Amino acid sequence: MSVYLSRMLKTAIRGRVACVLPTGAISPKQQFISIKSVYIPVLNQLSRRFRSSDAIQPTAALENASIPLKKKIVHKKSIAENLSQKEGHFLTLAYATANSYDLKALKEALVEQKLYEPGNLKTVEIGNVVVANAVYNIGSEQREIFFFKEGAVVFWNCSELEASNVLEFVKPYELESYPREVIEKEREIMTYIYQPNSKKCHLQESCFIMVPERDNSLERFAFSHAMAQSARLGAWEARLEWLAAAVRYHTASMEREGAAHVDKKEVVRKLGELFSLRHRLNVESDMLDTPDFYWEEEQLERLYSNTLAYFTIPRRTRVLNERLSHCVELLELLSSWAADRHHIRLEWMIIVLILAEVCFELLHIFERNSFRLDRRRPSPERRPLFSSDLEESIVQEISIIDS
């Protein structure tokens, strides 16, 4: 850095000297005065720059204290009654009902029902979605349904009653269904309208702007995909809230009693649910990345990204990951607590078994010693025989002496 500054200084001084010094011969005194007049302004300018860069600058917020701070835009769910009352607006509903659908069986069931016929998105074949068009139309606007393999369904120009009937119809083809209250609570509602002067489809507040007298099927797919992602994310957020509520009891017990009465199997089960939810969010879904289909469709990718931003999906995904990490950390703490209690219980069992073995060994030692003592002692039956023989001999000797 010093070398760079010195080079800058030399270049600046040479330029100033070339401009100030005359071409003719001058005396040494005049040359010194000229160089001094060149050096001093340059050094003063550099010192002012360093002092200004090192000094603490006042923040712009203090100078402009009257300017209001910009608030974050938070997505709020719309109400179907308020949106359906707008003239010229058609309703769009998105539900997340399960972890995934069996699209092959669902498509065959739609053909057998004869109320909806499977359709295509222009000439584009997308394997993870089934498009169903109503056979019988009500009014001039066509009714259309998108079934996504990830367990979400989006209705275009369908009433809530029709949507409820379709949700009942699709239940046999669901894998790992969500609770009914979660499905109704986490649904997404939007509207769409045709603008005559619009040249391309776009998002305007809570309304999709469509181009009249043109096939907007791919644009509808992009909007529907983003709405389905938001509904799925809402269902996962509700699931995490339920898991966090189940864990909150143990944290309150730790705070109140200084101990946690937890079962290791229960903790492992909760950890498995959290890891499964994290895997679905970060691996199985496209929440963190744009799907491959949009890479070749720049206009559709823009519509998809703008709709995701409207539903604040990137921020919600980041917050959900942070909450998942916090819950996993807490459950790992409870798991280690339960493992320590189990290890302590095993240690006490081992200690009791060792004590029992020591007691049995002491009992065997006592029995062996008592048996040895019994063998060394004379039997009580032999003692009378010995005494009787002695008496007989003494009596015989006395009788001989008397005789």
Protein backbone atom coordinates (compact mmCIF):
# COMPACT_ATOMS: atom_id res chain seq x y z
CA MET A 1 0.00 0.00 0.00
CA SER A 2 2.84 2.38 0.83
CA VAL A 3 4.53 1.63 -2.52
CA TYR A 4 1.29 2.39 -4.32
CA LEU A 5 0.88 5.71 -2.47
CA SER A 6 4.47 6.71 -3.14
CA ARG A 7 4.01 6.08 -6.86
CA MET A 8 0.88 8.22 -6.86
CA LEU A 9 2.75 10.97 -5.04
CA LYS A 10 5.65 10.91 -7.52
CA THR A 11 3.31 11.05 -10.50
CA ALA A 12 1.36 13.97 -9.07
CA ILE A 13 4.49 15.91 -8.15
CA ARG A 14 6.08 15.38 -11.55
CA GLY A 15 2.97 16.69 -13.25
CA ARG A 16 2.84 19.73 -11.01
CA VAL A 17 6.58 20.39 -11.46
CA ALA A 18 6.32 20.14 -15.24
CA CYS A 19 3.52 22.70 -15.21
CA VAL A 20 5.23 25.12 -12.81
CA LEU A 21 8.90 25.06 -13.79
CA PRO A 22 9.90 27.10 -16.88
CA THR A 23 11.80 25.55 -19.72
CA GLY A 24 14.77 27.91 -19.51
CA ALA A 25 17.63 27.88 -17.08
CA ILE A 26 16.83 28.96 -13.53
CA SER A 27 18.85 29.45 -10.38
CA PRO A 28 18.94 26.84 -7.57
CA LYS A 29 17.07 29.20 -5.23
CA GLN A 30 14.20 29.67 -7.67
CA GLN A 31 14.12 25.91 -8.30
CA PHE A 32 13.85 25.19 -4.54
CA ILE A 33 11.04 27.73 -4.12
CA SER A 34 9.15 26.25 -7.06
CA ILE A 35 9.48 22.67 -5.80
CA LYS A 36 8.41 23.79 -2.31
CA SER A 37 5.32 25.44 -3.76
CA VAL A 38 4.52 22.12 -5.49
CA TYR A 39 5.17 19.74 -2.56
CA ILE A 40 3.27 21.58 0.18
CA PRO A 41 -0.20 21.65 -1.52
CA VAL A 42 0.10 17.98 -2.49
CA LEU A 43 1.05 16.90 1.03
CA ASN A 44 -1.75 18.99 2.55
CA GLN A 45 -4.26 17.44 0.18
CA LEU A 46 -3.14 13.90 1.03
CA SER A 47 -3.26 14.59 4.77
CA ARG A 48 -6.80 15.95 4.47
CA ARG A 49 -7.83 12.78 2.63
CA PHE A 50 -6.38 10.47 5.29
CA ARG A 51 -7.90 12.52 8.11
CA SER A 52 -11.30 12.48 6.44
CA SER A 53 -11.18 8.73 5.83
CA ASP A 54 -10.06 7.89 9.37
CA ALA A 55 -12.53 10.17 11.08
CA ILE A 56 -15.87 8.83 12.23
CA GLN A 57 -18.57 10.09 9.91
CA PRO A 58 -22.03 10.85 11.23
CA THR A 59 -24.71 8.46 10.06
CA ALA A 60 -27.29 9.53 7.54
CA ALA A 61 -30.07 8.55 9.91
CA LEU A 62 -29.06 11.27 12.36
CA GLU A 63 -28.96 13.93 9.66
CA ASN A 64 -32.26 12.81 8.16
CA ALA A 65 -34.09 11.79 11.31
CA SER A 66 -37.43 12.81 9.86
CA ILE A 67 -37.21 10.26 7.00
CA PRO A 68 -39.26 7.13 7.90
CA LEU A 69 -37.52 3.77 7.76
CA LYS A 70 -38.57 1.33 5.06
CA LYS A 71 -40.57 -1.57 6.48
CA LYS A 72 -40.42 -5.14 5.25
CA ILE A 73 -43.27 -6.28 3.06
CA VAL A 74 -45.12 -9.12 4.77
CA HIS A 75 -47.52 -11.24 2.77
CA LYS A 76 -51.03 -11.43 4.22
CA LYS A 77 -53.53 -14.01 3.06
CA SER A 78 -56.44 -12.62 1.10
CA ILE A 79 -60.11 -13.31 1.79
CA ALA A 80 -62.12 -15.00 -0.92
CA GLU A 81 -65.28 -12.98 -0.27
CA ASN A 82 -63.49 -9.66 -0.78
CA LEU A 83 -61.75 -10.75 -3.99
CA SER A 84 -64.75 -12.42 -5.62
CA GLN A 85 -66.82 -9.24 -5.36
CA LYS A 86 -64.56 -7.33 -7.77
CA GLU A 87 -66.05 -6.95 -11.21
CA GLY A 88 -64.24 -8.77 -14.00
CA HIS A 89 -62.02 -10.69 -11.58
CA PHE A 90 -61.89 -14.49 -11.51
CA LEU A 91 -60.89 -16.53 -8.47
CA THR A 92 -57.71 -18.61 -8.13
CA LEU A 93 -57.34 -21.02 -5.20
CA ALA A 94 -54.30 -23.09 -4.15
CA TYR A 95 -54.34 -25.95 -1.61
CA ALA A 96 -51.62 -28.23 -0.26
CA THR A 97 -53.33 -31.45 0.83
CA ALA A 98 -50.59 -34.10 1.06
CA ASN A 99 -46.91 -34.81 0.68
CA SER A 100 -47.45 -36.15 -2.86
CA TYR A 101 -50.05 -37.44 -5.34
CA ASP A 102 -50.25 -40.58 -7.41
CA LEU A 103 -50.66 -38.68 -10.68
CA LYS A 104 -51.05 -41.77 -12.88
CA ALA A 105 -53.99 -43.14 -10.90
CA LEU A 106 -55.45 -39.63 -10.53
CA LYS A 107 -55.35 -39.04 -14.27
CA GLU A 108 -57.14 -42.35 -14.93
CA ALA A 109 -59.79 -41.47 -12.35
CA LEU A 110 -60.39 -38.09 -14.00
CA VAL A 111 -60.98 -39.82 -17.35
CA GLU A 112 -63.43 -42.26 -15.75
CA GLN A 113 -65.32 -39.48 -13.95
CA LYS A 114 -65.97 -37.63 -17.25
CA LEU A 115 -66.28 -34.23 -15.54
CA TYR A 116 -62.73 -33.11 -16.32
CA GLU A 117 -60.52 -34.07 -19.22
CA PRO A 118 -56.71 -34.06 -19.00
CA GLY A 119 -55.05 -31.40 -21.14
CA ASN A 120 -51.60 -30.32 -22.26
CA LEU A 121 -49.62 -27.09 -21.88
CA LYS A 122 -49.24 -26.20 -25.55
CA THR A 123 -46.70 -28.71 -26.83
CA VAL A 124 -44.74 -28.80 -23.57
CA GLU A 125 -44.87 -32.07 -21.64
CA ILE A 126 -44.31 -31.64 -17.89
CA GLY A 127 -44.18 -34.88 -15.95
CA ASN A 128 -44.89 -33.51 -12.47
CA VAL A 129 -48.28 -31.91 -13.17
CA VAL A 130 -51.68 -32.92 -14.54
CA VAL A 131 -53.85 -30.25 -16.15
CA ALA A 132 -57.61 -30.85 -16.03
CA ASN A 133 -60.12 -28.80 -18.06
CA ALA A 134 -63.81 -28.81 -17.18
CA VAL A 135 -66.00 -30.59 -19.71
CA TYR A 136 -69.05 -28.46 -18.90
CA ASN A 137 -68.36 -24.72 -18.73
CA ILE A 138 -70.33 -22.22 -16.69
CA GLY A 139 -70.10 -18.90 -18.50
CA SER A 140 -67.59 -17.81 -21.08
CA GLU A 141 -64.47 -18.35 -18.97
CA GLN A 142 -63.05 -21.87 -18.88
CA ARG A 143 -62.42 -23.67 -15.58
CA GLU A 144 -59.00 -25.23 -15.18
CA ILE A 145 -57.25 -27.27 -12.45
CA PHE A 146 -53.53 -27.98 -11.94
CA PHE A 147 -52.60 -31.10 -9.93
CA PHE A 148 -48.94 -31.03 -8.86
CA LYS A 149 -47.12 -34.21 -7.89
CA GLU A 150 -45.81 -32.51 -4.72
CA GLY A 151 -49.32 -32.71 -3.20
CA ALA A 152 -50.79 -29.33 -4.23
CA VAL A 153 -53.75 -28.41 -6.42
CA VAL A 154 -54.60 -25.00 -7.93
CA PHE A 155 -58.07 -24.01 -9.19
CA TRP A 156 -58.70 -21.36 -11.85
CA ASN A 157 -62.21 -19.87 -12.07
CA CYS A 158 -63.63 -22.51 -9.69
CA SER A 159 -65.94 -21.84 -6.78
CA GLU A 160 -65.08 -22.90 -3.25
CA LEU A 161 -67.81 -25.55 -3.37
CA GLU A 162 -66.35 -27.10 -6.51
CA ALA A 163 -62.87 -26.96 -5.00
CA SER A 164 -64.13 -28.74 -1.87
CA ASN A 165 -65.68 -31.51 -4.00
CA VAL A 166 -62.46 -31.97 -5.96
CA LEU A 167 -60.45 -32.17 -2.72
CA GLU A 168 -62.74 -34.98 -1.54
CA PHE A 169 -62.29 -36.71 -4.90
CA VAL A 170 -58.49 -36.55 -4.75
CA LYS A 171 -58.17 -38.01 -1.21
CA PRO A 172 -57.70 -41.68 -2.29
CA TYR A 173 -54.68 -40.66 -4.36
CA GLU A 174 -52.88 -38.75 -1.59
CA LEU A 175 -49.72 -39.95 0.12
CA GLU A 176 -49.26 -38.71 3.72
CA SER A 177 -52.28 -36.42 3.86
CA TYR A 178 -52.34 -33.20 5.88
CA PRO A 179 -55.03 -32.38 8.47
CA ARG A 180 -58.16 -30.69 7.15
CA GLU A 181 -57.76 -27.57 9.28
CA VAL A 182 -54.20 -27.08 7.99
CA ILE A 183 -55.39 -27.41 4.39
CA GLU A 184 -58.05 -24.74 4.86
CA LYS A 185 -55.89 -22.40 6.90
CA GLU A 186 -52.82 -22.44 4.65
CA ARG A 187 -54.57 -22.07 1.30
CA GLU A 188 -53.64 -19.20 -1.01
CA ILE A 189 -56.21 -16.98 -2.77
CA MET A 190 -55.59 -14.72 -5.75
CA THR A 191 -57.57 -13.30 -8.66
CA TYR A 192 -56.87 -12.82 -12.34
CA ILE A 193 -58.25 -10.41 -14.90
CA TYR A 194 -57.90 -9.80 -18.63
CA GLN A 195 -56.56 -6.34 -19.57
CA PRO A 196 -57.11 -5.33 -23.20
CA ASN A 197 -54.05 -3.05 -23.33
CA SER A 198 -51.67 -5.55 -21.74
CA LYS A 199 -49.03 -7.08 -24.02
CA LYS A 200 -47.72 -9.71 -21.61
CA CYS A 201 -48.83 -11.41 -18.41
CA HIS A 202 -47.60 -10.01 -15.11
CA LEU A 203 -48.40 -9.77 -11.40
CA GLN A 204 -50.06 -6.64 -10.00
CA GLU A 205 -50.59 -6.64 -6.23
CA SER A 206 -52.95 -9.59 -5.51
CA CYS A 207 -54.07 -10.02 -9.13
CA PHE A 208 -52.66 -11.83 -12.15
CA ILE A 209 -52.91 -9.77 -15.35
CA MET A 210 -53.70 -11.91 -18.40
CA VAL A 211 -53.55 -11.06 -22.10
CA PRO A 212 -56.94 -11.46 -23.79
CA GLU A 213 -57.47 -13.56 -26.91
CA ARG A 214 -54.25 -15.50 -26.38
CA ASP A 215 -53.27 -18.87 -24.93
CA ASN A 216 -51.99 -18.11 -21.40
CA SER A 217 -51.62 -21.74 -20.29
CA LEU A 218 -47.86 -21.57 -19.61
CA GLU A 219 -48.24 -18.31 -17.71
CA ARG A 220 -51.01 -19.89 -15.65
CA PHE A 221 -48.74 -22.82 -14.92
CA ALA A 222 -45.98 -20.50 -13.65
CA PHE A 223 -48.41 -18.60 -11.41
CA SER A 224 -49.95 -21.87 -10.18
CA HIS A 225 -46.56 -23.38 -9.40
CA ALA A 226 -45.60 -20.40 -7.21
CA MET A 227 -48.96 -20.49 -5.40
CA ALA A 228 -48.56 -24.23 -4.81
CA GLN A 229 -45.09 -23.63 -3.34
CA SER A 230 -46.52 -21.05 -0.93
CA ALA A 231 -49.32 -23.40 0.18
CA ARG A 232 -46.86 -26.25 0.73
CA LEU A 233 -44.56 -24.00 2.72
CA GLY A 234 -47.51 -22.89 4.86
CA ALA A 235 -48.37 -26.52 5.64
CA TRP A 236 -44.77 -27.18 6.70
CA GLU A 237 -44.80 -24.08 8.89
CA ALA A 238 -47.96 -25.36 10.60
CA ARG A 239 -46.30 -28.73 11.10
CA LEU A 240 -43.27 -27.10 12.71
CA GLU A 241 -45.54 -25.09 15.02
CA TRP A 242 -47.16 -28.32 16.21
CA LEU A 243 -43.76 -29.94 16.84
CA ALA A 244 -42.50 -26.84 18.66
CA ALA A 245 -45.60 -26.86 20.88
CA ALA A 246 -44.90 -30.50 21.77
CA VAL A 247 -41.32 -29.63 22.74
CA ARG A 248 -42.29 -26.50 24.69
CA TYR A 249 -43.53 -28.61 27.64
CA HIS A 250 -40.05 -30.06 28.18
CA THR A 251 -38.40 -26.65 28.08
CA ALA A 252 -40.87 -25.37 30.69
CA SER A 253 -40.09 -28.41 32.84
CA MET A 254 -36.36 -27.74 32.57
CA GLU A 255 -36.90 -24.11 33.54
CA ARG A 256 -39.22 -24.94 36.43
CA GLU A 257 -37.73 -28.10 37.93
CA GLY A 258 -34.17 -28.08 36.60
CA ALA A 259 -34.73 -31.50 35.02
CA ALA A 260 -36.48 -32.96 32.01
CA HIS A 261 -38.63 -36.09 32.26
CA VAL A 262 -38.38 -37.34 28.70
CA ASP A 263 -38.56 -40.70 27.01
CA LYS A 264 -35.69 -41.48 24.65
CA LYS A 265 -38.00 -43.10 22.08
CA GLU A 266 -40.23 -40.03 22.03
CA VAL A 267 -37.26 -37.70 21.57
CA VAL A 268 -35.87 -39.83 18.73
CA ARG A 269 -39.31 -39.86 17.09
CA LYS A 270 -39.53 -36.07 17.23
CA LEU A 271 -36.01 -35.75 15.86
CA GLY A 272 -36.98 -38.02 12.98
CA GLU A 273 -39.98 -35.82 12.17
CA LEU A 274 -37.83 -32.68 12.20
CA PHE A 275 -35.17 -34.22 9.97
CA SER A 276 -37.87 -35.47 7.60
CA LEU A 277 -39.35 -31.96 7.40
CA ARG A 278 -35.92 -30.44 6.78
CA HIS A 279 -35.23 -33.01 4.05
CA ARG A 280 -38.49 -32.16 2.30
CA LEU A 281 -37.78 -28.45 2.51
CA ASN A 282 -34.16 -28.43 1.37
CA VAL A 283 -33.80 -31.55 -0.79
CA GLU A 284 -37.10 -32.76 -2.20
CA SER A 285 -38.62 -29.35 -2.93
CA ASP A 286 -37.53 -26.49 -5.20
CA MET A 287 -37.77 -23.80 -2.51
CA LEU A 288 -34.06 -22.99 -2.62
CA ASP A 289 -33.61 -23.08 -6.37
CA THR A 290 -35.50 -22.41 -9.61
CA PRO A 291 -36.84 -25.58 -11.28
CA ASP A 292 -35.10 -26.75 -14.44
CA PHE A 293 -38.19 -26.11 -16.57
CA TYR A 294 -37.79 -22.32 -16.28
CA TRP A 295 -34.14 -22.21 -17.39
CA GLU A 296 -35.13 -22.11 -21.04
CA GLU A 297 -38.18 -19.88 -20.49
CA GLU A 298 -36.96 -16.47 -19.38
CA GLN A 299 -40.40 -14.85 -19.32
CA LEU A 300 -41.90 -17.70 -17.30
CA GLU A 301 -38.96 -17.64 -14.90
CA ARG A 302 -39.55 -13.94 -14.29
CA LEU A 303 -43.24 -14.54 -13.57
CA TYR A 304 -42.40 -17.44 -11.25
CA SER A 305 -39.74 -15.47 -9.34
CA ASN A 306 -41.97 -12.39 -8.97
CA THR A 307 -44.81 -14.51 -7.59
CA LEU A 308 -42.45 -16.21 -5.13
CA ALA A 309 -41.28 -12.77 -3.98
CA TYR A 310 -44.90 -11.65 -3.55
CA PHE A 311 -45.55 -14.61 -1.23
CA THR A 312 -42.21 -13.90 0.58
CA ILE A 313 -41.16 -17.51 0.03
CA PRO A 314 -37.34 -16.93 0.20
CA ARG A 315 -37.60 -15.18 3.56
CA ARG A 316 -40.10 -17.72 4.92
CA THR A 317 -37.84 -20.57 3.83
CA ARG A 318 -34.86 -19.03 5.61
CA VAL A 319 -36.85 -18.45 8.80
CA LEU A 320 -38.24 -21.99 8.69
CA ASN A 321 -34.73 -23.42 8.39
CA GLU A 322 -33.58 -21.36 11.37
CA ARG A 323 -36.50 -22.57 13.47
CA LEU A 324 -35.83 -26.14 12.44
CA SER A 325 -32.20 -25.79 13.51
CA HIS A 326 -33.26 -24.41 16.89
CA CYS A 327 -35.74 -27.25 17.51
CA VAL A 328 -33.20 -29.87 16.43
CA GLU A 329 -30.62 -28.40 18.80
CA LEU A 330 -33.11 -28.50 21.68
CA LEU A 331 -34.15 -32.07 20.97
CA GLU A 332 -30.52 -33.17 20.72
CA LEU A 333 -29.98 -31.67 24.17
CA LEU A 334 -32.98 -33.62 25.49
CA SER A 335 -31.69 -36.76 23.76
CA SER A 336 -28.30 -36.43 25.44
CA TRP A 337 -30.08 -35.84 28.76
CA ALA A 338 -32.15 -39.01 28.29
CA ALA A 339 -29.05 -40.95 27.22
CA ASP A 340 -27.19 -39.83 30.36
CA ARG A 341 -30.12 -40.94 32.53
CA HIS A 342 -30.11 -44.31 30.78
CA HIS A 343 -26.36 -44.69 31.29
CA ILE A 344 -26.69 -43.82 34.97
CA ARG A 345 -29.47 -46.39 35.33
CA LEU A 346 -27.29 -49.04 33.69
CA GLU A 347 -24.37 -48.18 35.97
CA TRP A 348 -26.54 -48.59 39.07
CA MET A 349 -27.82 -51.92 37.76
CA ILE A 350 -24.24 -53.10 37.27
CA ILE A 351 -23.32 -51.95 40.79
CA VAL A 352 -26.28 -53.86 42.27
CA LEU A 353 -25.33 -57.01 40.34
CA ILE A 354 -21.75 -56.75 41.57
CA LEU A 355 -22.95 -56.36 45.18
CA ALA A 356 -25.23 -59.37 44.80
CA GLU A 357 -22.37 -61.43 43.42
CA VAL A 358 -20.14 -60.34 46.33
CA CYS A 359 -22.83 -61.34 48.84
CA PHE A 360 -23.24 -64.77 47.23
CA GLU A 361 -19.47 -65.27 47.22
CA LEU A 362 -19.26 -64.36 50.90
CA LEU A 363 -22.07 -66.83 51.63
CA HIS A 364 -20.22 -69.61 49.78
CA ILE A 365 -17.01 -68.83 51.70
CA PHE A 366 -18.88 -69.02 54.99
CA GLU A 367 -20.42 -72.37 54.03
CA ARG A 368 -17.06 -73.85 53.03
CA ASN A 369 -15.37 -72.77 56.27
CA SER A 370 -18.20 -74.14 58.43
CA PHE A 371 -17.98 -77.51 56.59
CA ARG A 372 -14.26 -77.75 57.27
CA LEU A 373 -14.76 -77.07 60.97
CA ASP A 374 -17.42 -79.78 61.19
CA ARG A 375 -15.06 -82.33 59.65
CA ARG A 376 -12.30 -81.54 62.17
CA ARG A 377 -14.56 -82.00 65.23
CA PRO A 378 -15.29 -85.61 66.59
CA SER A 379 -18.77 -86.81 66.04
CA PRO A 380 -21.10 -86.82 69.05
CA GLU A 381 -21.98 -90.53 68.52
CA ARG A 382 -18.40 -91.70 69.12
CA ARG A 383 -17.96 -89.83 72.41
CA PRO A 384 -20.33 -92.06 74.43
CA LEU A 385 -18.66 -95.21 73.08
CA PHE A 386 -15.24 -94.05 74.22
CA SER A 387 -16.43 -93.15 77.70
CA SER A 388 -18.24 -96.49 78.18
CA ASP A 389 -15.14 -98.53 77.28
CA LEU A 390 -13.07 -96.58 79.76
CA GLU A 391 -15.58 -97.16 82.49
CA GLU A 392 -15.63 -100.89 81.79
CA SER A 393 -11.83 -101.15 82.02
CA ILE A 394 -11.76 -99.19 85.27
CA VAL A 395 -14.44 -101.44 86.78
CA GLN A 396 -12.53 -104.56 85.80
CA GLU A 397 -9.32 -103.25 87.38
CA ILE A 398 -11.16 -102.39 90.59
CA SER A 399 -12.71 -105.83 90.75
CA ILE A 400 -9.30 -107.49 90.34
CA ILE A 401 -7.80 -105.37 93.11
CA ASP A 402 -10.68 -106.23 95.42
CA SER A 403 -10.26 -109.90 94.76
